[in-house]
Amino acid sequence: MRSPETLPPFLVDGPDRAPLTFAFAHGAGAPMDTPFMTFFAEELAARGWRVVRFEFPYMARRREAPKRPPPDRQPVLLETWQTVIAHLGPEKLVIGGKSMGGRMASLVADETGVRGLACLGYPFHPAGKPERLRTEHLAPLETPCLICQGTRDALGNAQEVAAYTLSPAISVHWAEDGDHDLKPRKASGRDARQNWEEAVAALDGFFHSLA
């Protein structure tokens, strides 16, 4: 486990005495302060939840390095999650995140004893490679989990996910016509904010069920 000196910097929204804290990790390609991450953090905070964002080491380095370092290997990502969980305490903690951040959280959820798991745009498989599933650990998952997924997500759409064996502890909120960022096409008659607001409402209900 990483030492306390290497605890990543946090962005914190919401009240310190919230009934639950949501540790919210970014995806593989974008940092913790994107419009997507900021929208969900601020909207959940407005509903009374504490949201703590952080960055994995490679993403923090990108802020200073002239070249974009690739994502850290999985052991480093998992170690970062374990450090964050140990610092915040698992008892009133929901962990999760966007895409890769949520997938890494799902790999440590049961062993760390957190209250819940919330994933936004879960990467069930790499883009264009539906045969390379990332679902084996999701069948026996015991931690209550909500996945917010776009119905046409290229990393796991509604038709594909319906065929997977997932734990009964997992619920899925579907963002209508949403892509990997839960954004619909203009022709759908919907917009990103509508899908994002509905996902926030689903997360809010999930958090209430845990609190």
N, C-alpha and C. Protein backbone atom coordinates (compact mmCIF):
# COMPACT_ATOMS: atom_id res chain seq x y z
N MET A 1 0.85 -1.21 0.00
CA MET A 1 0.00 0.00 0.00
C MET A 1 0.88 1.24 0.00
N ARG A 2 0.40 2.26 -0.72
CA ARG A 2 1.15 3.50 -0.79
C ARG A 2 1.18 4.20 0.56
N SER A 3 2.23 4.93 0.83
CA SER A 3 2.35 5.62 2.10
C SER A 3 1.46 6.86 2.10
N PRO A 4 1.08 7.37 3.28
CA PRO A 4 0.24 8.56 3.34
C PRO A 4 0.83 9.76 2.62
N GLU A 5 2.18 9.79 2.53
CA GLU A 5 2.82 10.92 1.86
C GLU A 5 2.48 10.97 0.37
N THR A 6 2.06 9.85 -0.20
CA THR A 6 1.75 9.82 -1.62
C THR A 6 0.24 9.85 -1.88
N LEU A 7 -0.53 10.24 -0.89
CA LEU A 7 -1.96 10.40 -1.08
C LEU A 7 -2.20 11.45 -2.17
N PRO A 8 -3.02 11.14 -3.18
CA PRO A 8 -3.22 12.12 -4.25
C PRO A 8 -4.01 13.32 -3.76
N PRO A 9 -3.81 14.46 -4.39
CA PRO A 9 -4.62 15.64 -4.03
C PRO A 9 -6.09 15.38 -4.32
N PHE A 10 -6.96 15.99 -3.52
CA PHE A 10 -8.39 15.81 -3.66
C PHE A 10 -9.06 17.09 -4.14
N LEU A 11 -10.15 16.93 -4.88
CA LEU A 11 -11.12 18.00 -5.11
C LEU A 11 -12.38 17.58 -4.37
N VAL A 12 -12.83 18.39 -3.43
CA VAL A 12 -13.95 18.00 -2.57
C VAL A 12 -15.14 18.93 -2.79
N ASP A 13 -16.30 18.32 -3.02
CA ASP A 13 -17.55 19.06 -3.12
C ASP A 13 -18.52 18.47 -2.10
N GLY A 14 -19.40 19.33 -1.58
CA GLY A 14 -20.43 18.84 -0.67
C GLY A 14 -20.05 18.94 0.79
N PRO A 15 -21.02 18.70 1.66
CA PRO A 15 -20.81 18.89 3.10
C PRO A 15 -19.91 17.83 3.74
N ASP A 16 -19.10 18.27 4.68
CA ASP A 16 -18.20 17.34 5.39
C ASP A 16 -18.97 16.29 6.18
N ARG A 17 -20.17 16.64 6.64
CA ARG A 17 -20.95 15.72 7.46
C ARG A 17 -22.03 15.01 6.66
N ALA A 18 -21.81 14.84 5.38
CA ALA A 18 -22.77 14.12 4.55
C ALA A 18 -22.90 12.67 5.02
N PRO A 19 -24.07 12.06 4.83
CA PRO A 19 -24.25 10.67 5.27
C PRO A 19 -23.35 9.68 4.53
N LEU A 20 -22.97 10.03 3.30
CA LEU A 20 -22.05 9.19 2.53
C LEU A 20 -21.08 10.08 1.76
N THR A 21 -19.89 9.55 1.52
CA THR A 21 -18.92 10.19 0.64
C THR A 21 -18.77 9.33 -0.61
N PHE A 22 -18.73 9.96 -1.75
CA PHE A 22 -18.50 9.28 -3.03
C PHE A 22 -17.10 9.61 -3.50
N ALA A 23 -16.19 8.63 -3.48
CA ALA A 23 -14.85 8.78 -4.04
C ALA A 23 -14.95 8.52 -5.54
N PHE A 24 -14.66 9.53 -6.33
CA PHE A 24 -15.02 9.59 -7.75
C PHE A 24 -13.76 9.71 -8.60
N ALA A 25 -13.40 8.63 -9.30
CA ALA A 25 -12.16 8.59 -10.08
C ALA A 25 -12.44 8.84 -11.56
N HIS A 26 -11.46 9.40 -12.24
CA HIS A 26 -11.59 9.74 -13.66
C HIS A 26 -11.36 8.51 -14.55
N GLY A 27 -11.62 8.70 -15.85
CA GLY A 27 -11.36 7.66 -16.84
C GLY A 27 -9.92 7.69 -17.32
N ALA A 28 -9.63 6.85 -18.30
CA ALA A 28 -8.24 6.69 -18.73
C ALA A 28 -7.67 7.92 -19.43
N GLY A 29 -8.52 8.67 -20.14
CA GLY A 29 -7.97 9.70 -21.00
C GLY A 29 -8.13 11.14 -20.56
N ALA A 30 -8.88 11.38 -19.50
CA ALA A 30 -9.17 12.77 -19.12
C ALA A 30 -9.09 12.93 -17.60
N PRO A 31 -8.76 14.13 -17.11
CA PRO A 31 -8.51 14.34 -15.68
C PRO A 31 -9.79 14.46 -14.85
N MET A 32 -9.60 14.82 -13.58
CA MET A 32 -10.71 14.84 -12.64
C MET A 32 -11.58 16.08 -12.74
N ASP A 33 -11.16 17.09 -13.53
CA ASP A 33 -11.90 18.34 -13.58
C ASP A 33 -12.51 18.62 -14.95
N THR A 34 -12.83 17.57 -15.69
CA THR A 34 -13.53 17.73 -16.96
C THR A 34 -14.96 18.19 -16.70
N PRO A 35 -15.65 18.70 -17.72
CA PRO A 35 -17.06 19.06 -17.53
C PRO A 35 -17.91 17.89 -17.04
N PHE A 36 -17.65 16.68 -17.51
CA PHE A 36 -18.39 15.51 -17.07
C PHE A 36 -18.19 15.28 -15.59
N MET A 37 -16.94 15.20 -15.16
CA MET A 37 -16.64 14.94 -13.75
C MET A 37 -17.17 16.06 -12.86
N THR A 38 -17.01 17.29 -13.31
CA THR A 38 -17.44 18.43 -12.52
C THR A 38 -18.96 18.46 -12.38
N PHE A 39 -19.67 18.17 -13.47
CA PHE A 39 -21.13 18.16 -13.41
C PHE A 39 -21.63 17.19 -12.36
N PHE A 40 -21.15 15.95 -12.41
CA PHE A 40 -21.64 14.95 -11.47
C PHE A 40 -21.23 15.28 -10.03
N ALA A 41 -20.02 15.77 -9.85
CA ALA A 41 -19.58 16.12 -8.49
C ALA A 41 -20.43 17.24 -7.92
N GLU A 42 -20.66 18.28 -8.69
CA GLU A 42 -21.41 19.43 -8.19
C GLU A 42 -22.89 19.11 -8.00
N GLU A 43 -23.46 18.35 -8.90
CA GLU A 43 -24.89 18.02 -8.78
C GLU A 43 -25.14 17.09 -7.60
N LEU A 44 -24.27 16.12 -7.38
CA LEU A 44 -24.43 15.24 -6.23
C LEU A 44 -24.20 16.00 -4.93
N ALA A 45 -23.23 16.92 -4.95
CA ALA A 45 -22.99 17.75 -3.76
C ALA A 45 -24.21 18.60 -3.44
N ALA A 46 -24.88 19.11 -4.46
CA ALA A 46 -26.07 19.94 -4.26
C ALA A 46 -27.20 19.13 -3.63
N ARG A 47 -27.14 17.82 -3.77
CA ARG A 47 -28.16 16.95 -3.17
C ARG A 47 -27.74 16.45 -1.79
N GLY A 48 -26.62 16.96 -1.30
CA GLY A 48 -26.23 16.66 0.08
C GLY A 48 -25.17 15.60 0.26
N TRP A 49 -24.59 15.13 -0.83
CA TRP A 49 -23.54 14.11 -0.73
C TRP A 49 -22.17 14.75 -0.84
N ARG A 50 -21.21 14.16 -0.18
CA ARG A 50 -19.82 14.62 -0.29
C ARG A 50 -19.14 13.85 -1.41
N VAL A 51 -18.53 14.55 -2.33
CA VAL A 51 -17.87 13.93 -3.47
C VAL A 51 -16.39 14.29 -3.45
N VAL A 52 -15.55 13.28 -3.48
CA VAL A 52 -14.10 13.48 -3.44
C VAL A 52 -13.51 12.95 -4.75
N ARG A 53 -12.97 13.87 -5.54
CA ARG A 53 -12.28 13.49 -6.77
C ARG A 53 -10.78 13.43 -6.54
N PHE A 54 -10.12 12.55 -7.27
CA PHE A 54 -8.66 12.45 -7.20
C PHE A 54 -8.14 11.95 -8.54
N GLU A 55 -6.83 12.02 -8.72
CA GLU A 55 -6.21 11.55 -9.96
C GLU A 55 -5.20 10.46 -9.69
N PHE A 56 -5.15 9.50 -10.60
CA PHE A 56 -4.11 8.48 -10.54
C PHE A 56 -2.76 9.12 -10.87
N PRO A 57 -1.65 8.51 -10.46
CA PRO A 57 -0.34 9.15 -10.62
C PRO A 57 -0.03 9.61 -12.04
N TYR A 58 -0.36 8.79 -13.05
CA TYR A 58 -0.02 9.18 -14.42
C TYR A 58 -0.76 10.43 -14.86
N MET A 59 -2.01 10.58 -14.40
CA MET A 59 -2.78 11.75 -14.79
C MET A 59 -2.26 13.00 -14.08
N ALA A 60 -1.84 12.85 -12.85
CA ALA A 60 -1.23 13.99 -12.15
C ALA A 60 0.05 14.41 -12.85
N ARG A 61 0.82 13.44 -13.35
CA ARG A 61 2.06 13.77 -14.07
C ARG A 61 1.77 14.50 -15.37
N ARG A 62 0.66 14.20 -15.99
CA ARG A 62 0.32 14.85 -17.26
C ARG A 62 0.18 16.36 -17.12
N ARG A 63 -0.12 16.81 -15.92
CA ARG A 63 -0.29 18.25 -15.71
C ARG A 63 1.06 18.97 -15.78
N GLU A 64 2.14 18.23 -15.62
CA GLU A 64 3.47 18.84 -15.60
C GLU A 64 4.37 18.36 -16.73
N ALA A 65 4.13 17.16 -17.25
CA ALA A 65 5.02 16.58 -18.26
C ALA A 65 4.70 17.14 -19.64
N PRO A 66 5.73 17.41 -20.46
CA PRO A 66 5.49 17.89 -21.82
C PRO A 66 4.84 16.81 -22.69
N LYS A 67 5.12 15.54 -22.39
CA LYS A 67 4.50 14.45 -23.11
C LYS A 67 3.42 13.82 -22.22
N ARG A 68 2.46 13.16 -22.85
CA ARG A 68 1.37 12.54 -22.11
C ARG A 68 1.78 11.12 -21.70
N PRO A 69 2.13 10.90 -20.44
CA PRO A 69 2.47 9.55 -20.02
C PRO A 69 1.26 8.63 -20.12
N PRO A 70 1.47 7.36 -20.45
CA PRO A 70 0.35 6.42 -20.56
C PRO A 70 -0.22 6.10 -19.18
N PRO A 71 -1.41 5.53 -19.13
CA PRO A 71 -1.97 5.14 -17.83
C PRO A 71 -1.04 4.21 -17.06
N ASP A 72 -1.08 4.32 -15.74
CA ASP A 72 -0.31 3.42 -14.89
C ASP A 72 -0.79 2.00 -15.08
N ARG A 73 0.08 1.05 -14.75
CA ARG A 73 -0.33 -0.35 -14.79
C ARG A 73 -1.34 -0.62 -13.68
N GLN A 74 -2.10 -1.67 -13.86
CA GLN A 74 -3.20 -1.95 -12.95
C GLN A 74 -2.79 -2.02 -11.48
N PRO A 75 -1.67 -2.64 -11.11
CA PRO A 75 -1.31 -2.66 -9.69
C PRO A 75 -1.19 -1.27 -9.07
N VAL A 76 -0.68 -0.30 -9.83
CA VAL A 76 -0.56 1.07 -9.32
C VAL A 76 -1.94 1.70 -9.17
N LEU A 77 -2.81 1.46 -10.14
CA LEU A 77 -4.16 2.01 -10.06
C LEU A 77 -4.92 1.45 -8.86
N LEU A 78 -4.80 0.15 -8.64
CA LEU A 78 -5.48 -0.48 -7.50
C LEU A 78 -4.88 -0.01 -6.18
N GLU A 79 -3.57 0.17 -6.16
CA GLU A 79 -2.90 0.64 -4.95
C GLU A 79 -3.35 2.06 -4.60
N THR A 80 -3.53 2.87 -5.63
CA THR A 80 -4.03 4.23 -5.40
C THR A 80 -5.43 4.19 -4.80
N TRP A 81 -6.28 3.34 -5.34
CA TRP A 81 -7.62 3.20 -4.78
C TRP A 81 -7.57 2.76 -3.32
N GLN A 82 -6.72 1.80 -3.01
CA GLN A 82 -6.62 1.30 -1.64
C GLN A 82 -6.16 2.41 -0.69
N THR A 83 -5.26 3.25 -1.15
CA THR A 83 -4.78 4.36 -0.34
C THR A 83 -5.90 5.37 -0.08
N VAL A 84 -6.64 5.69 -1.12
CA VAL A 84 -7.75 6.64 -0.98
C VAL A 84 -8.80 6.09 -0.02
N ILE A 85 -9.14 4.82 -0.16
CA ILE A 85 -10.15 4.20 0.70
C ILE A 85 -9.68 4.18 2.15
N ALA A 86 -8.42 3.82 2.36
CA ALA A 86 -7.89 3.79 3.73
C ALA A 86 -7.93 5.18 4.36
N HIS A 87 -7.67 6.21 3.56
CA HIS A 87 -7.66 7.58 4.09
C HIS A 87 -9.08 8.05 4.42
N LEU A 88 -10.03 7.77 3.54
CA LEU A 88 -11.39 8.26 3.74
C LEU A 88 -12.19 7.38 4.69
N GLY A 89 -11.80 6.12 4.80
CA GLY A 89 -12.53 5.17 5.64
C GLY A 89 -13.66 4.52 4.86
N PRO A 90 -13.77 3.19 4.89
CA PRO A 90 -14.76 2.50 4.05
C PRO A 90 -16.18 2.52 4.58
N GLU A 91 -16.38 2.84 5.85
CA GLU A 91 -17.68 2.64 6.48
C GLU A 91 -18.81 3.44 5.82
N LYS A 92 -18.55 4.68 5.44
CA LYS A 92 -19.57 5.52 4.82
C LYS A 92 -19.11 5.97 3.43
N LEU A 93 -18.46 5.05 2.73
CA LEU A 93 -17.83 5.40 1.46
C LEU A 93 -18.42 4.59 0.31
N VAL A 94 -18.78 5.30 -0.74
CA VAL A 94 -19.10 4.69 -2.03
C VAL A 94 -17.93 5.01 -2.96
N ILE A 95 -17.45 4.02 -3.67
CA ILE A 95 -16.34 4.25 -4.59
C ILE A 95 -16.80 4.00 -6.02
N GLY A 96 -16.10 4.61 -6.96
CA GLY A 96 -16.46 4.41 -8.35
C GLY A 96 -15.86 5.48 -9.22
N GLY A 97 -16.44 5.62 -10.41
CA GLY A 97 -15.89 6.64 -11.29
C GLY A 97 -16.29 6.44 -12.72
N LYS A 98 -15.66 7.25 -13.56
CA LYS A 98 -15.89 7.22 -15.00
C LYS A 98 -15.04 6.12 -15.61
N SER A 99 -15.65 5.23 -16.37
CA SER A 99 -14.96 4.23 -17.18
C SER A 99 -13.88 3.48 -16.39
N MET A 100 -12.60 3.68 -16.74
CA MET A 100 -11.52 2.95 -16.08
C MET A 100 -11.51 3.18 -14.58
N GLY A 101 -11.79 4.39 -14.13
CA GLY A 101 -11.79 4.66 -12.69
C GLY A 101 -12.81 3.81 -11.97
N GLY A 102 -13.98 3.62 -12.59
CA GLY A 102 -15.00 2.76 -12.01
C GLY A 102 -14.63 1.30 -12.07
N ARG A 103 -14.01 0.89 -13.18
CA ARG A 103 -13.60 -0.52 -13.29
C ARG A 103 -12.57 -0.87 -12.24
N MET A 104 -11.59 -0.01 -12.01
CA MET A 104 -10.59 -0.28 -10.98
C MET A 104 -11.24 -0.33 -9.60
N ALA A 105 -12.21 0.54 -9.36
CA ALA A 105 -12.92 0.51 -8.08
C ALA A 105 -13.65 -0.81 -7.89
N SER A 106 -14.22 -1.33 -8.98
CA SER A 106 -14.97 -2.58 -8.88
C SER A 106 -14.08 -3.76 -8.51
N LEU A 107 -12.80 -3.65 -8.79
CA LEU A 107 -11.87 -4.74 -8.50
C LEU A 107 -11.45 -4.78 -7.03
N VAL A 108 -11.67 -3.68 -6.30
CA VAL A 108 -11.28 -3.65 -4.88
C VAL A 108 -12.47 -3.48 -3.95
N ALA A 109 -13.67 -3.34 -4.50
CA ALA A 109 -14.83 -3.01 -3.67
C ALA A 109 -15.09 -4.05 -2.59
N ASP A 110 -15.15 -5.31 -2.97
CA ASP A 110 -15.48 -6.35 -1.98
C ASP A 110 -14.41 -6.47 -0.90
N GLU A 111 -13.15 -6.41 -1.30
CA GLU A 111 -12.08 -6.65 -0.33
C GLU A 111 -11.89 -5.49 0.64
N THR A 112 -12.32 -4.30 0.25
CA THR A 112 -12.12 -3.13 1.11
C THR A 112 -13.32 -2.84 2.01
N GLY A 113 -14.44 -3.47 1.77
CA GLY A 113 -15.59 -3.31 2.65
C GLY A 113 -16.29 -1.98 2.55
N VAL A 114 -16.23 -1.34 1.38
CA VAL A 114 -16.91 -0.06 1.21
C VAL A 114 -18.42 -0.27 1.18
N ARG A 115 -19.16 0.82 1.33
CA ARG A 115 -20.62 0.73 1.41
C ARG A 115 -21.24 0.42 0.05
N GLY A 116 -20.66 0.98 -1.01
CA GLY A 116 -21.25 0.78 -2.33
C GLY A 116 -20.27 1.10 -3.44
N LEU A 117 -20.72 0.84 -4.68
CA LEU A 117 -19.91 1.02 -5.88
C LEU A 117 -20.79 1.68 -6.93
N ALA A 118 -20.28 2.72 -7.58
CA ALA A 118 -21.04 3.42 -8.62
C ALA A 118 -20.14 3.69 -9.81
N CYS A 119 -20.54 3.18 -10.97
CA CYS A 119 -19.72 3.30 -12.18
C CYS A 119 -20.49 4.04 -13.26
N LEU A 120 -19.85 5.00 -13.89
CA LEU A 120 -20.46 5.77 -14.97
C LEU A 120 -19.75 5.42 -16.28
N GLY A 121 -20.45 4.72 -17.15
CA GLY A 121 -19.84 4.26 -18.38
C GLY A 121 -18.85 3.15 -18.11
N TYR A 122 -19.34 1.99 -17.67
CA TYR A 122 -18.43 0.89 -17.34
C TYR A 122 -17.87 0.30 -18.64
N PRO A 123 -16.55 0.10 -18.72
CA PRO A 123 -15.94 -0.48 -19.93
C PRO A 123 -16.01 -2.01 -19.89
N PHE A 124 -17.16 -2.55 -20.28
CA PHE A 124 -17.33 -4.01 -20.23
C PHE A 124 -16.36 -4.74 -21.15
N HIS A 125 -15.89 -4.05 -22.19
CA HIS A 125 -14.88 -4.61 -23.09
C HIS A 125 -14.19 -3.44 -23.79
N PRO A 126 -13.00 -3.66 -24.36
CA PRO A 126 -12.36 -2.58 -25.12
C PRO A 126 -13.19 -2.25 -26.36
N ALA A 127 -13.05 -1.04 -26.84
CA ALA A 127 -13.78 -0.62 -28.04
C ALA A 127 -13.42 -1.52 -29.22
N GLY A 128 -14.42 -2.03 -29.90
CA GLY A 128 -14.21 -2.88 -31.07
C GLY A 128 -13.80 -4.29 -30.75
N LYS A 129 -13.75 -4.66 -29.47
CA LYS A 129 -13.33 -6.02 -29.09
C LYS A 129 -14.31 -6.61 -28.07
N PRO A 130 -15.55 -6.86 -28.50
CA PRO A 130 -16.58 -7.34 -27.57
C PRO A 130 -16.28 -8.71 -26.99
N GLU A 131 -15.35 -9.43 -27.60
CA GLU A 131 -15.00 -10.75 -27.08
C GLU A 131 -14.07 -10.68 -25.86
N ARG A 132 -13.45 -9.55 -25.63
CA ARG A 132 -12.53 -9.39 -24.50
C ARG A 132 -13.27 -8.79 -23.30
N LEU A 133 -14.06 -9.62 -22.68
CA LEU A 133 -14.91 -9.14 -21.61
C LEU A 133 -14.13 -8.83 -20.33
N ARG A 134 -14.61 -7.82 -19.61
CA ARG A 134 -14.06 -7.43 -18.31
C ARG A 134 -15.14 -7.62 -17.24
N THR A 135 -15.75 -8.79 -17.25
CA THR A 135 -16.93 -9.02 -16.41
C THR A 135 -16.78 -10.17 -15.43
N GLU A 136 -15.67 -10.91 -15.47
CA GLU A 136 -15.56 -12.11 -14.65
C GLU A 136 -15.79 -11.81 -13.17
N HIS A 137 -15.22 -10.72 -12.68
CA HIS A 137 -15.34 -10.39 -11.26
C HIS A 137 -16.69 -9.79 -10.90
N LEU A 138 -17.50 -9.45 -11.91
CA LEU A 138 -18.79 -8.84 -11.64
C LEU A 138 -19.88 -9.86 -11.31
N ALA A 139 -19.67 -11.11 -11.66
CA ALA A 139 -20.66 -12.15 -11.36
C ALA A 139 -20.76 -12.43 -9.86
N PRO A 140 -19.64 -12.56 -9.14
CA PRO A 140 -19.72 -12.82 -7.70
C PRO A 140 -19.71 -11.57 -6.82
N LEU A 141 -19.77 -10.38 -7.42
CA LEU A 141 -19.68 -9.13 -6.65
C LEU A 141 -20.74 -9.09 -5.56
N GLU A 142 -20.34 -8.72 -4.34
CA GLU A 142 -21.28 -8.63 -3.22
C GLU A 142 -21.61 -7.18 -2.84
N THR A 143 -20.74 -6.25 -3.18
CA THR A 143 -20.96 -4.85 -2.86
C THR A 143 -22.11 -4.29 -3.69
N PRO A 144 -23.10 -3.63 -3.08
CA PRO A 144 -24.17 -3.02 -3.86
C PRO A 144 -23.59 -2.07 -4.91
N CYS A 145 -24.10 -2.18 -6.13
CA CYS A 145 -23.48 -1.44 -7.24
C CYS A 145 -24.54 -0.88 -8.17
N LEU A 146 -24.31 0.34 -8.62
CA LEU A 146 -25.11 0.96 -9.67
C LEU A 146 -24.19 1.31 -10.83
N ILE A 147 -24.56 0.87 -12.02
CA ILE A 147 -23.85 1.23 -13.23
C ILE A 147 -24.76 2.11 -14.07
N CYS A 148 -24.29 3.32 -14.42
CA CYS A 148 -25.00 4.21 -15.33
C CYS A 148 -24.36 4.06 -16.70
N GLN A 149 -25.12 3.55 -17.65
CA GLN A 149 -24.56 3.14 -18.93
C GLN A 149 -25.40 3.68 -20.08
N GLY A 150 -24.74 4.15 -21.13
CA GLY A 150 -25.45 4.57 -22.33
C GLY A 150 -25.93 3.36 -23.11
N THR A 151 -27.14 3.43 -23.66
CA THR A 151 -27.69 2.27 -24.36
C THR A 151 -26.88 1.90 -25.61
N ARG A 152 -26.12 2.86 -26.16
CA ARG A 152 -25.29 2.55 -27.32
C ARG A 152 -23.80 2.72 -27.03
N ASP A 153 -23.42 2.54 -25.78
CA ASP A 153 -22.02 2.63 -25.38
C ASP A 153 -21.19 1.63 -26.18
N ALA A 154 -20.14 2.11 -26.82
CA ALA A 154 -19.29 1.24 -27.64
C ALA A 154 -18.48 0.25 -26.81
N LEU A 155 -18.47 0.46 -25.49
CA LEU A 155 -17.74 -0.44 -24.59
C LEU A 155 -18.70 -1.32 -23.78
N GLY A 156 -19.92 -1.42 -24.29
CA GLY A 156 -20.93 -2.25 -23.64
C GLY A 156 -22.30 -1.65 -23.79
N ASN A 157 -23.01 -2.00 -24.89
CA ASN A 157 -24.33 -1.42 -25.12
C ASN A 157 -25.41 -2.26 -24.46
N ALA A 158 -26.66 -1.81 -24.58
CA ALA A 158 -27.75 -2.46 -23.86
C ALA A 158 -27.93 -3.91 -24.29
N GLN A 159 -27.82 -4.18 -25.59
CA GLN A 159 -27.99 -5.55 -26.08
C GLN A 159 -26.89 -6.46 -25.56
N GLU A 160 -25.66 -5.97 -25.56
CA GLU A 160 -24.54 -6.78 -25.08
C GLU A 160 -24.65 -7.05 -23.58
N VAL A 161 -24.93 -6.01 -22.82
CA VAL A 161 -24.96 -6.16 -21.36
C VAL A 161 -26.06 -7.12 -20.92
N ALA A 162 -27.16 -7.14 -21.67
CA ALA A 162 -28.27 -8.04 -21.33
C ALA A 162 -27.84 -9.50 -21.35
N ALA A 163 -26.79 -9.82 -22.10
CA ALA A 163 -26.33 -11.20 -22.21
C ALA A 163 -25.26 -11.56 -21.18
N TYR A 164 -24.78 -10.60 -20.40
CA TYR A 164 -23.72 -10.87 -19.44
C TYR A 164 -24.29 -11.46 -18.15
N THR A 165 -23.46 -12.23 -17.47
CA THR A 165 -23.82 -12.73 -16.15
C THR A 165 -23.29 -11.75 -15.11
N LEU A 166 -24.23 -10.99 -14.52
CA LEU A 166 -23.85 -9.99 -13.53
C LEU A 166 -24.47 -10.35 -12.18
N SER A 167 -23.80 -9.96 -11.13
CA SER A 167 -24.28 -10.21 -9.77
C SER A 167 -25.65 -9.56 -9.54
N PRO A 168 -26.50 -10.19 -8.74
CA PRO A 168 -27.76 -9.54 -8.37
C PRO A 168 -27.55 -8.26 -7.56
N ALA A 169 -26.33 -8.03 -7.07
CA ALA A 169 -26.03 -6.80 -6.35
C ALA A 169 -25.89 -5.61 -7.29
N ILE A 170 -25.86 -5.86 -8.60
CA ILE A 170 -25.64 -4.81 -9.60
C ILE A 170 -26.97 -4.38 -10.22
N SER A 171 -27.21 -3.08 -10.22
CA SER A 171 -28.33 -2.49 -10.95
C SER A 171 -27.76 -1.62 -12.06
N VAL A 172 -28.50 -1.51 -13.15
CA VAL A 172 -28.06 -0.69 -14.27
C VAL A 172 -29.10 0.39 -14.57
N HIS A 173 -28.64 1.63 -14.62
CA HIS A 173 -29.47 2.74 -15.09
C HIS A 173 -29.06 3.02 -16.53
N TRP A 174 -30.03 2.98 -17.44
CA TRP A 174 -29.72 3.18 -18.85
C TRP A 174 -29.97 4.62 -19.27
N ALA A 175 -28.95 5.23 -19.86
CA ALA A 175 -29.07 6.57 -20.43
C ALA A 175 -29.51 6.42 -21.88
N GLU A 176 -30.71 6.89 -22.19
CA GLU A 176 -31.30 6.66 -23.50
C GLU A 176 -30.45 7.24 -24.62
N ASP A 177 -30.08 6.36 -25.57
CA ASP A 177 -29.27 6.72 -26.74
C ASP A 177 -27.88 7.26 -26.34
N GLY A 178 -27.47 6.98 -25.11
CA GLY A 178 -26.20 7.52 -24.63
C GLY A 178 -24.99 6.76 -25.15
N ASP A 179 -23.89 7.51 -25.35
CA ASP A 179 -22.61 6.89 -25.71
C ASP A 179 -21.81 6.63 -24.44
N HIS A 180 -20.50 6.50 -24.55
CA HIS A 180 -19.68 6.18 -23.38
C HIS A 180 -19.65 7.32 -22.36
N ASP A 181 -19.99 8.52 -22.81
CA ASP A 181 -20.12 9.67 -21.91
C ASP A 181 -21.58 9.94 -21.56
N LEU A 182 -22.45 8.98 -21.86
CA LEU A 182 -23.90 9.07 -21.63
C LEU A 182 -24.56 10.13 -22.52
N LYS A 183 -23.86 10.60 -23.55
CA LYS A 183 -24.40 11.63 -24.42
C LYS A 183 -25.22 11.01 -25.56
N PRO A 184 -26.44 11.52 -25.79
CA PRO A 184 -27.25 11.02 -26.91
C PRO A 184 -26.95 11.77 -28.19
N ARG A 185 -27.40 11.19 -29.30
CA ARG A 185 -27.31 11.89 -30.57
C ARG A 185 -28.41 12.95 -30.67
N LYS A 186 -28.14 14.00 -31.41
CA LYS A 186 -29.11 15.08 -31.55
C LYS A 186 -30.42 14.58 -32.12
N ALA A 187 -30.33 13.61 -33.03
CA ALA A 187 -31.52 13.07 -33.68
C ALA A 187 -32.44 12.35 -32.69
N SER A 188 -31.92 12.02 -31.52
CA SER A 188 -32.74 11.31 -30.52
C SER A 188 -33.77 12.22 -29.87
N GLY A 189 -33.57 13.53 -30.01
CA GLY A 189 -34.45 14.49 -29.36
C GLY A 189 -34.07 14.76 -27.91
N ARG A 190 -32.98 14.18 -27.48
CA ARG A 190 -32.49 14.38 -26.12
C ARG A 190 -31.17 15.13 -26.17
N ASP A 191 -30.69 15.58 -25.00
CA ASP A 191 -29.38 16.20 -24.96
C ASP A 191 -28.59 15.63 -23.79
N ALA A 192 -27.31 15.96 -23.75
CA ALA A 192 -26.42 15.38 -22.73
C ALA A 192 -26.88 15.75 -21.33
N ARG A 193 -27.30 17.00 -21.15
CA ARG A 193 -27.70 17.42 -19.80
C ARG A 193 -28.88 16.60 -19.28
N GLN A 194 -29.82 16.30 -20.16
CA GLN A 194 -30.96 15.49 -19.75
C GLN A 194 -30.52 14.12 -19.28
N ASN A 195 -29.66 13.48 -20.05
CA ASN A 195 -29.17 12.15 -19.65
C ASN A 195 -28.34 12.23 -18.37
N TRP A 196 -27.52 13.27 -18.26
CA TRP A 196 -26.69 13.40 -17.06
C TRP A 196 -27.55 13.67 -15.83
N GLU A 197 -28.57 14.51 -15.97
CA GLU A 197 -29.44 14.79 -14.83
C GLU A 197 -30.19 13.53 -14.38
N GLU A 198 -30.61 12.72 -15.33
CA GLU A 198 -31.30 11.48 -14.97
C GLU A 198 -30.34 10.50 -14.29
N ALA A 199 -29.09 10.49 -14.72
CA ALA A 199 -28.09 9.64 -14.07
C ALA A 199 -27.81 10.13 -12.65
N VAL A 200 -27.76 11.45 -12.46
CA VAL A 200 -27.58 12.00 -11.11
C VAL A 200 -28.73 11.57 -10.21
N ALA A 201 -29.95 11.63 -10.73
CA ALA A 201 -31.11 11.22 -9.95
C ALA A 201 -31.01 9.74 -9.57
N ALA A 202 -30.54 8.90 -10.50
CA ALA A 202 -30.37 7.48 -10.20
C ALA A 202 -29.31 7.27 -9.13
N LEU A 203 -28.21 8.00 -9.22
CA LEU A 203 -27.15 7.91 -8.21
C LEU A 203 -27.65 8.39 -6.85
N ASP A 204 -28.42 9.46 -6.84
CA ASP A 204 -28.96 10.00 -5.61
C ASP A 204 -29.86 8.96 -4.94
N GLY A 205 -30.71 8.31 -5.70
CA GLY A 205 -31.56 7.27 -5.14
C GLY A 205 -30.76 6.09 -4.62
N PHE A 206 -29.72 5.72 -5.35
CA PHE A 206 -28.85 4.63 -4.92
C PHE A 206 -28.15 4.97 -3.61
N PHE A 207 -27.62 6.19 -3.51
CA PHE A 207 -26.95 6.60 -2.28
C PHE A 207 -27.93 6.60 -1.10
N HIS A 208 -29.15 7.06 -1.33
CA HIS A 208 -30.15 7.04 -0.26
C HIS A 208 -30.43 5.61 0.20
N SER A 209 -30.44 4.67 -0.73
CA SER A 209 -30.70 3.27 -0.36
C SER A 209 -29.58 2.70 0.50
N LEU A 210 -28.39 3.26 0.36
CA LEU A 210 -27.23 2.78 1.14
C LEU A 210 -27.13 3.48 2.49
N ALA A 211 -27.56 4.75 2.51
CA ALA A 211 -27.41 5.56 3.74
C ALA A 211 -28.46 5.21 4.77
